[in-house]
Amino acid sequence: MFRFRCRSLGFRFHAFSRLLVVGGAISYRALFNWTTPPMFIGTLLVGPLLQVFFFVFLGRELGVADDRFHLVGNAVLAASASCVYGGTMAVANERRYGTLGAVLLSPRHRVPLWLGRALPYVLNGLFVSAFVLTAAALVLGLPVSAGALPGLGLVLLVAAGACSAFGLALGALGLRFRDVFLVSNVASSVLLLLTGAAVPRETLPGWMRTAGDLLPLTHAADAARGLTAGGGLDGRLLGAELAVGAGWGLLAVVLLAAFERGSRRRATLDTM
């Protein structure tokens, strides 16, 4: 009996992992809008890198913060280009390309089904942030000690995960609203303003700082700045970023489940 239960649990774990990883990879290849190299390089690598240079030189001209503040903050924010829009595409493009019905009719468990779609964008966001931070640091001469690299990689990974969960929550709106990319555009501007990536948070009103604490990337940007400045990894900031990501991930699952049930209920009423 014990052996049978272990085998059953092993089978379930294998099915869960396969749906999470393989299903997410297939969805990424099918729905990602930047799969061509020119589009990927121009949109996800060159664009965020130029944004770093813009804010660094603007900060120098206006005397707002220092190079490290703008460089590291915008490098962390670079993950939002792929994570926010990618998480949105993971749901909204299913509807756009007419495959959403097949997904909703699937008997598979919804948690690995949807979270698997966000997983490739976590890796994508990590790669983009690491590239932008490395390239900008080399060009602008920002020293980063080798001992800070493991902690910095962990911070960027957690930031990309939290941002992907945020994007998936926005993508859930694609089950109800027609133009969900408008929401993504607004969300990207909100992240730029409220997370402290480009604007020092101490200069913002209190309600904006409170709102920024509930957004992804805010705590990760502060943790990354501390690491590049020679300090250790701040576990409190890392834990806060994990909590924010978990909260947005939970909200995404709840919204997707609620909108799916609503769609099924309306479809039943329409056929009566």
C-alpha atoms as a PDB file:
ATOM      1  CA  MET A   1       0.000   0.000   0.000  1.00  0.00           C
ATOM      2  CA  PHE A   2       2.819   2.382   0.921  1.00  0.00           C
ATOM      3  CA  ARG A   3       4.652   1.532  -2.301  1.00  0.00           C
ATOM      4  CA  PHE A   4       1.498   2.175  -4.308  1.00  0.00           C
ATOM      5  CA  ARG A   5       1.068   5.602  -2.692  1.00  0.00           C
ATOM      6  CA  CYS A   6       4.690   6.515  -3.368  1.00  0.00           C
ATOM      7  CA  ARG A   7       4.327   5.466  -6.976  1.00  0.00           C
ATOM      8  CA  SER A   8       1.110   7.467  -7.292  1.00  0.00           C
ATOM      9  CA  LEU A   9       2.741  10.555  -5.817  1.00  0.00           C
ATOM     10  CA  GLY A  10       5.723  10.125  -8.118  1.00  0.00           C
ATOM     11  CA  PHE A  11       3.449   9.895 -11.134  1.00  0.00           C
ATOM     12  CA  ARG A  12       1.572  13.017 -10.088  1.00  0.00           C
ATOM     13  CA  PHE A  13       4.784  14.936  -9.517  1.00  0.00           C
ATOM     14  CA  HIS A  14       6.078  13.858 -12.930  1.00  0.00           C
ATOM     15  CA  ALA A  15       2.829  14.941 -14.608  1.00  0.00           C
ATOM     16  CA  PHE A  16       2.889  18.253 -12.708  1.00  0.00           C
ATOM     17  CA  SER A  17       6.509  18.947 -13.665  1.00  0.00           C
ATOM     18  CA  ARG A  18       5.950  17.961 -17.287  1.00  0.00           C
ATOM     19  CA  LEU A  19       2.944  20.259 -17.601  1.00  0.00           C
ATOM     20  CA  LEU A  20       4.835  23.074 -15.892  1.00  0.00           C
ATOM     21  CA  VAL A  21       8.036  22.849 -17.933  1.00  0.00           C
ATOM     22  CA  VAL A  22       7.101  21.297 -21.280  1.00  0.00           C
ATOM     23  CA  GLY A  23       3.736  23.030 -21.485  1.00  0.00           C
ATOM     24  CA  GLY A  24       5.324  26.357 -20.636  1.00  0.00           C
ATOM     25  CA  ALA A  25       8.063  25.911 -23.236  1.00  0.00           C
ATOM     26  CA  ILE A  26       5.577  25.036 -25.987  1.00  0.00           C
ATOM     27  CA  SER A  27       3.406  28.001 -25.057  1.00  0.00           C
ATOM     28  CA  TYR A  28       6.448  30.299 -25.108  1.00  0.00           C
ATOM     29  CA  ARG A  29       7.408  29.205 -28.614  1.00  0.00           C
ATOM     30  CA  ALA A  30       3.852  29.569 -29.871  1.00  0.00           C
ATOM     31  CA  LEU A  31       2.809  32.855 -28.237  1.00  0.00           C
ATOM     32  CA  PHE A  32       5.967  34.899 -27.731  1.00  0.00           C
ATOM     33  CA  ASN A  33       5.914  37.861 -30.106  1.00  0.00           C
ATOM     34  CA  TRP A  34       9.671  38.515 -30.076  1.00  0.00           C
ATOM     35  CA  THR A  35      11.039  35.186 -31.287  1.00  0.00           C
ATOM     36  CA  THR A  36      12.820  36.667 -34.317  1.00  0.00           C
ATOM     37  CA  PRO A  37      16.394  37.753 -33.419  1.00  0.00           C
ATOM     38  CA  PRO A  38      16.087  41.370 -34.678  1.00  0.00           C
ATOM     39  CA  MET A  39      12.879  41.918 -32.694  1.00  0.00           C
ATOM     40  CA  PHE A  40      14.269  40.241 -29.572  1.00  0.00           C
ATOM     41  CA  ILE A  41      17.560  42.154 -29.648  1.00  0.00           C
ATOM     42  CA  GLY A  42      16.008  45.509 -30.483  1.00  0.00           C
ATOM     43  CA  THR A  43      13.080  45.334 -28.062  1.00  0.00           C
ATOM     44  CA  LEU A  44      14.449  43.437 -25.085  1.00  0.00           C
ATOM     45  CA  LEU A  45      18.178  44.201 -25.123  1.00  0.00           C
ATOM     46  CA  VAL A  46      18.961  47.447 -26.942  1.00  0.00           C
ATOM     47  CA  GLY A  47      15.870  49.346 -25.761  1.00  0.00           C
ATOM     48  CA  PRO A  48      16.404  48.764 -22.003  1.00  0.00           C
ATOM     49  CA  LEU A  49      20.153  49.391 -22.364  1.00  0.00           C
ATOM     50  CA  LEU A  50      19.515  52.791 -23.968  1.00  0.00           C
ATOM     51  CA  GLN A  51      17.055  53.550 -21.176  1.00  0.00           C
ATOM     52  CA  VAL A  52      19.836  52.976 -18.645  1.00  0.00           C
ATOM     53  CA  PHE A  53      22.131  55.412 -20.437  1.00  0.00           C
ATOM     54  CA  PHE A  54      19.331  57.974 -20.718  1.00  0.00           C
ATOM     55  CA  PHE A  55      18.582  58.017 -17.003  1.00  0.00           C
ATOM     56  CA  VAL A  56      22.251  57.918 -15.993  1.00  0.00           C
ATOM     57  CA  PHE A  57      23.109  60.996 -18.065  1.00  0.00           C
ATOM     58  CA  LEU A  58      19.847  62.716 -17.124  1.00  0.00           C
ATOM     59  CA  GLY A  59      20.643  62.111 -13.456  1.00  0.00           C
ATOM     60  CA  ARG A  60      24.111  63.587 -13.944  1.00  0.00           C
ATOM     61  CA  GLU A  61      22.688  66.674 -15.638  1.00  0.00           C
ATOM     62  CA  LEU A  62      20.004  67.270 -13.003  1.00  0.00           C
ATOM     63  CA  GLY A  63      22.095  66.159 -10.039  1.00  0.00           C
ATOM     64  CA  VAL A  64      19.568  63.483  -9.043  1.00  0.00           C
ATOM     65  CA  ALA A  65      21.160  60.485  -7.297  1.00  0.00           C
ATOM     66  CA  ASP A  66      24.344  58.904  -8.683  1.00  0.00           C
ATOM     67  CA  ASP A  67      25.245  56.634 -11.583  1.00  0.00           C
ATOM     68  CA  ARG A  68      24.847  53.466  -9.494  1.00  0.00           C
ATOM     69  CA  PHE A  69      21.304  54.358  -8.509  1.00  0.00           C
ATOM     70  CA  HIS A  70      20.099  54.790 -12.096  1.00  0.00           C
ATOM     71  CA  LEU A  71      22.204  52.036 -13.653  1.00  0.00           C
ATOM     72  CA  VAL A  72      21.277  49.265 -11.228  1.00  0.00           C
ATOM     73  CA  GLY A  73      17.664  50.368 -10.828  1.00  0.00           C
ATOM     74  CA  ASN A  74      16.981  50.468 -14.554  1.00  0.00           C
ATOM     75  CA  ALA A  75      18.849  47.189 -15.096  1.00  0.00           C
ATOM     76  CA  VAL A  76      16.496  45.490 -12.641  1.00  0.00           C
ATOM     77  CA  LEU A  77      13.554  47.239 -14.290  1.00  0.00           C
ATOM     78  CA  ALA A  78      14.694  45.856 -17.669  1.00  0.00           C
ATOM     79  CA  ALA A  79      13.094  42.525 -16.694  1.00  0.00           C
ATOM     80  CA  SER A  80       9.667  44.164 -16.942  1.00  0.00           C
ATOM     81  CA  ALA A  81       9.948  44.400 -20.733  1.00  0.00           C
ATOM     82  CA  SER A  82       9.738  40.635 -21.093  1.00  0.00           C
ATOM     83  CA  CYS A  83       8.013  39.672 -17.844  1.00  0.00           C
ATOM     84  CA  VAL A  84       5.074  42.090 -17.869  1.00  0.00           C
ATOM     85  CA  TYR A  85       4.316  41.860 -21.579  1.00  0.00           C
ATOM     86  CA  GLY A  86       5.300  38.193 -21.689  1.00  0.00           C
ATOM     87  CA  GLY A  87       3.003  37.293 -18.816  1.00  0.00           C
ATOM     88  CA  THR A  88       0.226  39.197 -20.540  1.00  0.00           C
ATOM     89  CA  MET A  89       0.867  37.433 -23.843  1.00  0.00           C
ATOM     90  CA  ALA A  90       0.787  34.058 -22.101  1.00  0.00           C
ATOM     91  CA  VAL A  91      -2.963  34.511 -21.597  1.00  0.00           C
ATOM     92  CA  ALA A  92      -4.110  37.255 -23.965  1.00  0.00           C
ATOM     93  CA  ASN A  93      -2.493  35.718 -27.049  1.00  0.00           C
ATOM     94  CA  GLU A  94      -4.336  32.456 -26.428  1.00  0.00           C
ATOM     95  CA  ARG A  95      -7.487  34.461 -26.978  1.00  0.00           C
ATOM     96  CA  ARG A  96      -6.024  36.426 -29.874  1.00  0.00           C
ATOM     97  CA  TYR A  97      -4.944  33.329 -31.813  1.00  0.00           C
ATOM     98  CA  GLY A  98      -8.134  31.399 -31.080  1.00  0.00           C
ATOM     99  CA  THR A  99      -6.575  28.689 -28.901  1.00  0.00           C
ATOM    100  CA  LEU A 100      -8.039  29.816 -25.576  1.00  0.00           C
ATOM    101  CA  GLY A 101     -11.032  27.503 -25.907  1.00  0.00           C
ATOM    102  CA  ALA A 102      -8.805  24.446 -26.171  1.00  0.00           C
ATOM    103  CA  VAL A 103      -6.857  25.545 -23.104  1.00  0.00           C
ATOM    104  CA  LEU A 104      -9.992  26.078 -21.016  1.00  0.00           C
ATOM    105  CA  LEU A 105     -11.411  22.721 -22.101  1.00  0.00           C
ATOM    106  CA  SER A 106      -8.273  20.927 -20.963  1.00  0.00           C
ATOM    107  CA  PRO A 107      -8.815  18.689 -17.896  1.00  0.00           C
ATOM    108  CA  ARG A 108      -5.357  19.547 -16.595  1.00  0.00           C
ATOM    109  CA  HIS A 109      -4.925  21.279 -13.247  1.00  0.00           C
ATOM    110  CA  ARG A 110      -4.969  25.022 -13.732  1.00  0.00           C
ATOM    111  CA  VAL A 111      -2.096  25.988 -11.390  1.00  0.00           C
ATOM    112  CA  PRO A 112       0.737  24.269 -13.345  1.00  0.00           C
ATOM    113  CA  LEU A 113      -1.049  25.062 -16.605  1.00  0.00           C
ATOM    114  CA  TRP A 114      -0.886  28.823 -16.067  1.00  0.00           C
ATOM    115  CA  LEU A 115       2.268  29.069 -13.952  1.00  0.00           C
ATOM    116  CA  GLY A 116       4.120  27.031 -16.570  1.00  0.00           C
ATOM    117  CA  ARG A 117       3.323  29.752 -19.062  1.00  0.00           C
ATOM    118  CA  ALA A 118       5.020  32.327 -16.856  1.00  0.00           C
ATOM    119  CA  LEU A 119       8.160  30.251 -16.193  1.00  0.00           C
ATOM    120  CA  PRO A 120       9.944  30.969 -19.529  1.00  0.00           C
ATOM    121  CA  TYR A 121       9.473  34.688 -18.996  1.00  0.00           C
ATOM    122  CA  VAL A 122      11.201  34.432 -15.612  1.00  0.00           C
ATOM    123  CA  LEU A 123      14.307  33.065 -17.347  1.00  0.00           C
ATOM    124  CA  ASN A 124      13.901  35.595 -20.123  1.00  0.00           C
ATOM    125  CA  GLY A 125      13.701  38.474 -17.662  1.00  0.00           C
ATOM    126  CA  LEU A 126      16.730  37.187 -15.760  1.00  0.00           C
ATOM    127  CA  PHE A 127      18.766  37.066 -18.968  1.00  0.00           C
ATOM    128  CA  VAL A 128      17.700  40.574 -20.025  1.00  0.00           C
ATOM    129  CA  SER A 129      18.480  42.127 -16.625  1.00  0.00           C
ATOM    130  CA  ALA A 130      21.861  40.378 -16.418  1.00  0.00           C
ATOM    131  CA  PHE A 131      22.783  41.504 -19.930  1.00  0.00           C
ATOM    132  CA  VAL A 132      21.747  45.115 -19.364  1.00  0.00           C
ATOM    133  CA  LEU A 133      23.526  45.318 -16.010  1.00  0.00           C
ATOM    134  CA  THR A 134      26.722  43.785 -17.408  1.00  0.00           C
ATOM    135  CA  ALA A 135      26.804  45.872 -20.580  1.00  0.00           C
ATOM    136  CA  ALA A 136      25.979  49.144 -18.827  1.00  0.00           C
ATOM    137  CA  ALA A 137      28.502  48.495 -16.039  1.00  0.00           C
ATOM    138  CA  LEU A 138      31.255  47.840 -18.594  1.00  0.00           C
ATOM    139  CA  VAL A 139      30.451  50.944 -20.639  1.00  0.00           C
ATOM    140  CA  LEU A 140      30.014  53.292 -17.673  1.00  0.00           C
ATOM    141  CA  GLY A 141      32.773  51.766 -15.554  1.00  0.00           C
ATOM    142  CA  LEU A 142      30.687  50.631 -12.580  1.00  0.00           C
ATOM    143  CA  PRO A 143      32.796  48.234 -10.470  1.00  0.00           C
ATOM    144  CA  VAL A 144      31.014  45.106  -9.212  1.00  0.00           C
ATOM    145  CA  SER A 145      32.953  42.705  -6.996  1.00  0.00           C
ATOM    146  CA  ALA A 146      32.998  39.022  -7.909  1.00  0.00           C
ATOM    147  CA  GLY A 147      31.726  38.122  -4.451  1.00  0.00           C
ATOM    148  CA  ALA A 148      28.508  40.039  -5.087  1.00  0.00           C
ATOM    149  CA  LEU A 149      27.642  38.120  -8.252  1.00  0.00           C
ATOM    150  CA  PRO A 150      25.900  35.077  -6.648  1.00  0.00           C
ATOM    151  CA  GLY A 151      23.696  37.299  -4.502  1.00  0.00           C
ATOM    152  CA  LEU A 152      23.043  39.595  -7.429  1.00  0.00           C
ATOM    153  CA  GLY A 153      21.990  36.664  -9.593  1.00  0.00           C
ATOM    154  CA  LEU A 154      19.572  35.514  -6.879  1.00  0.00           C
ATOM    155  CA  VAL A 155      18.075  38.989  -6.562  1.00  0.00           C
ATOM    156  CA  LEU A 156      17.579  39.271 -10.324  1.00  0.00           C
ATOM    157  CA  LEU A 157      15.965  35.821 -10.433  1.00  0.00           C
ATOM    158  CA  VAL A 158      13.514  36.677  -7.657  1.00  0.00           C
ATOM    159  CA  ALA A 159      12.764  40.023  -9.314  1.00  0.00           C
ATOM    160  CA  ALA A 160      12.037  38.343 -12.651  1.00  0.00           C
ATOM    161  CA  GLY A 161       9.781  35.817 -10.925  1.00  0.00           C
ATOM    162  CA  ALA A 162       7.808  38.504  -9.100  1.00  0.00           C
ATOM    163  CA  CYS A 163       7.488  40.568 -12.274  1.00  0.00           C
ATOM    164  CA  SER A 164       6.280  37.542 -14.271  1.00  0.00           C
ATOM    165  CA  ALA A 165       3.627  36.860 -11.626  1.00  0.00           C
ATOM    166  CA  PHE A 166       2.579  40.496 -11.940  1.00  0.00           C
ATOM    167  CA  GLY A 167       2.368  40.131 -15.737  1.00  0.00           C
ATOM    168  CA  LEU A 168       0.333  36.936 -15.415  1.00  0.00           C
ATOM    169  CA  ALA A 169      -2.139  38.737 -13.145  1.00  0.00           C
ATOM    170  CA  LEU A 170      -2.493  41.426 -15.807  1.00  0.00           C
ATOM    171  CA  GLY A 171      -2.835  38.735 -18.470  1.00  0.00           C
ATOM    172  CA  ALA A 172      -5.746  37.240 -16.528  1.00  0.00           C
ATOM    173  CA  LEU A 173      -7.682  40.347 -17.458  1.00  0.00           C
ATOM    174  CA  GLY A 174      -7.424  39.093 -21.044  1.00  0.00           C
ATOM    175  CA  LEU A 175     -10.156  36.580 -20.195  1.00  0.00           C
ATOM    176  CA  ARG A 176     -12.526  39.460 -19.560  1.00  0.00           C
ATOM    177  CA  PHE A 177     -11.269  42.591 -21.365  1.00  0.00           C
ATOM    178  CA  ARG A 178     -10.547  42.897 -25.066  1.00  0.00           C
ATOM    179  CA  ASP A 179      -7.535  45.267 -25.045  1.00  0.00           C
ATOM    180  CA  VAL A 180      -5.407  44.014 -22.160  1.00  0.00           C
ATOM    181  CA  PHE A 181      -2.185  45.395 -23.669  1.00  0.00           C
ATOM    182  CA  LEU A 182      -3.366  48.892 -22.795  1.00  0.00           C
ATOM    183  CA  VAL A 183      -3.263  47.791 -19.158  1.00  0.00           C
ATOM    184  CA  SER A 184       0.266  46.439 -19.672  1.00  0.00           C
ATOM    185  CA  ASN A 185       1.448  49.757 -21.115  1.00  0.00           C
ATOM    186  CA  VAL A 186       0.089  51.636 -18.116  1.00  0.00           C
ATOM    187  CA  ALA A 187       1.572  49.049 -15.729  1.00  0.00           C
ATOM    188  CA  SER A 188       5.048  49.475 -17.249  1.00  0.00           C
ATOM    189  CA  SER A 189       4.873  53.239 -16.681  1.00  0.00           C
ATOM    190  CA  VAL A 190       3.705  52.664 -13.109  1.00  0.00           C
ATOM    191  CA  LEU A 191       6.690  50.369 -12.458  1.00  0.00           C
ATOM    192  CA  LEU A 192       9.057  52.993 -13.857  1.00  0.00           C
ATOM    193  CA  LEU A 193       7.642  55.673 -11.563  1.00  0.00           C
ATOM    194  CA  LEU A 194       6.835  53.886  -8.311  1.00  0.00           C
ATOM    195  CA  THR A 195       9.494  51.177  -7.897  1.00  0.00           C
ATOM    196  CA  GLY A 196      12.354  53.623  -7.427  1.00  0.00           C
ATOM    197  CA  ALA A 197      14.164  52.362 -10.498  1.00  0.00           C
ATOM    198  CA  ALA A 198      14.566  55.834 -11.978  1.00  0.00           C
ATOM    199  CA  VAL A 199      13.033  58.177  -9.384  1.00  0.00           C
ATOM    200  CA  PRO A 200      14.295  58.185  -5.764  1.00  0.00           C
ATOM    201  CA  ARG A 201      11.379  56.947  -3.676  1.00  0.00           C
ATOM    202  CA  GLU A 202      12.068  59.383  -0.856  1.00  0.00           C
ATOM    203  CA  THR A 203      11.028  62.204  -3.188  1.00  0.00           C
ATOM    204  CA  LEU A 204       7.613  60.620  -3.819  1.00  0.00           C
ATOM    205  CA  PRO A 205       4.451  61.261  -1.773  1.00  0.00           C
ATOM    206  CA  GLY A 206       3.673  58.753   0.952  1.00  0.00           C
ATOM    207  CA  TRP A 207       0.859  57.024  -0.904  1.00  0.00           C
ATOM    208  CA  MET A 208       3.146  56.456  -3.883  1.00  0.00           C
ATOM    209  CA  ARG A 209       5.800  54.878  -1.683  1.00  0.00           C
ATOM    210  CA  THR A 210       3.160  52.611  -0.155  1.00  0.00           C
ATOM    211  CA  ALA A 211       1.949  51.603  -3.616  1.00  0.00           C
ATOM    212  CA  GLY A 212       5.543  50.926  -4.672  1.00  0.00           C
ATOM    213  CA  ASP A 213       6.009  48.540  -1.743  1.00  0.00           C
ATOM    214  CA  LEU A 214       3.251  46.366  -3.236  1.00  0.00           C
ATOM    215  CA  LEU A 215       4.809  46.250  -6.701  1.00  0.00           C
ATOM    216  CA  PRO A 216       7.490  43.873  -7.987  1.00  0.00           C
ATOM    217  CA  LEU A 217      11.073  45.088  -8.514  1.00  0.00           C
ATOM    218  CA  THR A 218      10.920  47.741  -5.766  1.00  0.00           C
ATOM    219  CA  HIS A 219      12.704  45.738  -3.080  1.00  0.00           C
ATOM    220  CA  ALA A 220      14.896  43.920  -5.597  1.00  0.00           C
ATOM    221  CA  ALA A 221      16.264  47.217  -6.933  1.00  0.00           C
ATOM    222  CA  ASP A 222      17.267  48.314  -3.419  1.00  0.00           C
ATOM    223  CA  ALA A 223      18.832  44.919  -2.694  1.00  0.00           C
ATOM    224  CA  ALA A 224      20.802  44.995  -5.973  1.00  0.00           C
ATOM    225  CA  ARG A 225      22.096  48.501  -5.264  1.00  0.00           C
ATOM    226  CA  GLY A 226      23.326  47.380  -1.865  1.00  0.00           C
ATOM    227  CA  LEU A 227      25.144  44.400  -3.362  1.00  0.00           C
ATOM    228  CA  THR A 228      26.874  46.401  -6.096  1.00  0.00           C
ATOM    229  CA  ALA A 229      27.922  48.989  -3.505  1.00  0.00           C
ATOM    230  CA  GLY A 230      29.828  46.319  -1.601  1.00  0.00           C
ATOM    231  CA  GLY A 231      27.228  45.470   1.028  1.00  0.00           C
ATOM    232  CA  GLY A 232      25.889  42.005   1.707  1.00  0.00           C
ATOM    233  CA  LEU A 233      22.626  40.507   0.594  1.00  0.00           C
ATOM    234  CA  ASP A 234      19.737  42.049   2.526  1.00  0.00           C
ATOM    235  CA  GLY A 235      17.516  39.101   3.447  1.00  0.00           C
ATOM    236  CA  ARG A 236      14.688  41.412   4.470  1.00  0.00           C
ATOM    237  CA  LEU A 237      14.494  43.020   1.041  1.00  0.00           C
ATOM    238  CA  LEU A 238      14.803  39.648  -0.700  1.00  0.00           C
ATOM    239  CA  GLY A 239      12.027  38.218   1.476  1.00  0.00           C
ATOM    240  CA  ALA A 240       9.825  41.208   0.751  1.00  0.00           C
ATOM    241  CA  GLU A 241      10.327  40.719  -2.999  1.00  0.00           C
ATOM    242  CA  LEU A 242       9.450  37.030  -2.652  1.00  0.00           C
ATOM    243  CA  ALA A 243       6.303  37.925  -0.700  1.00  0.00           C
ATOM    244  CA  VAL A 244       5.239  40.446  -3.334  1.00  0.00           C
ATOM    245  CA  GLY A 245       5.788  37.903  -6.110  1.00  0.00           C
ATOM    246  CA  ALA A 246       3.847  35.231  -4.233  1.00  0.00           C
ATOM    247  CA  GLY A 247       1.001  37.660  -3.678  1.00  0.00           C
ATOM    248  CA  TRP A 248       0.751  38.564  -7.356  1.00  0.00           C
ATOM    249  CA  GLY A 249       1.026  34.896  -8.332  1.00  0.00           C
ATOM    250  CA  LEU A 250      -1.847  34.002  -5.999  1.00  0.00           C
ATOM    251  CA  LEU A 251      -3.906  36.876  -7.368  1.00  0.00           C
ATOM    252  CA  ALA A 252      -3.233  35.676 -10.922  1.00  0.00           C
ATOM    253  CA  VAL A 253      -4.448  32.145 -10.133  1.00  0.00           C
ATOM    254  CA  VAL A 254      -7.572  33.479  -8.377  1.00  0.00           C
ATOM    255  CA  LEU A 255      -8.426  35.856 -11.228  1.00  0.00           C
ATOM    256  CA  LEU A 256      -7.901  33.186 -13.872  1.00  0.00           C
ATOM    257  CA  ALA A 257     -10.119  30.739 -11.979  1.00  0.00           C
ATOM    258  CA  ALA A 258     -12.835  33.347 -11.367  1.00  0.00           C
ATOM    259  CA  PHE A 259     -12.907  34.569 -14.972  1.00  0.00           C
ATOM    260  CA  GLU A 260     -12.920  31.006 -16.290  1.00  0.00           C
ATOM    261  CA  ARG A 261     -15.915  30.105 -14.126  1.00  0.00           C
ATOM    262  CA  GLY A 262     -17.667  33.266 -15.260  1.00  0.00           C
ATOM    263  CA  SER A 263     -17.033  32.415 -18.904  1.00  0.00           C
ATOM    264  CA  ARG A 264     -18.394  28.897 -18.453  1.00  0.00           C
ATOM    265  CA  ARG A 265     -21.484  30.242 -16.675  1.00  0.00           C
ATOM    266  CA  ARG A 266     -22.228  32.751 -19.436  1.00  0.00           C
ATOM    267  CA  ALA A 267     -21.685  30.098 -22.099  1.00  0.00           C
ATOM    268  CA  THR A 268     -24.173  27.815 -20.347  1.00  0.00           C
ATOM    269  CA  LEU A 269     -26.767  30.585 -20.154  1.00  0.00           C
ATOM    270  CA  ASP A 270     -26.287  31.414 -23.835  1.00  0.00           C
ATOM    271  CA  THR A 271     -27.022  27.817 -24.862  1.00  0.00           C
ATOM    272  CA  MET A 272     -30.206  27.571 -22.820  1.00  0.00           C
END
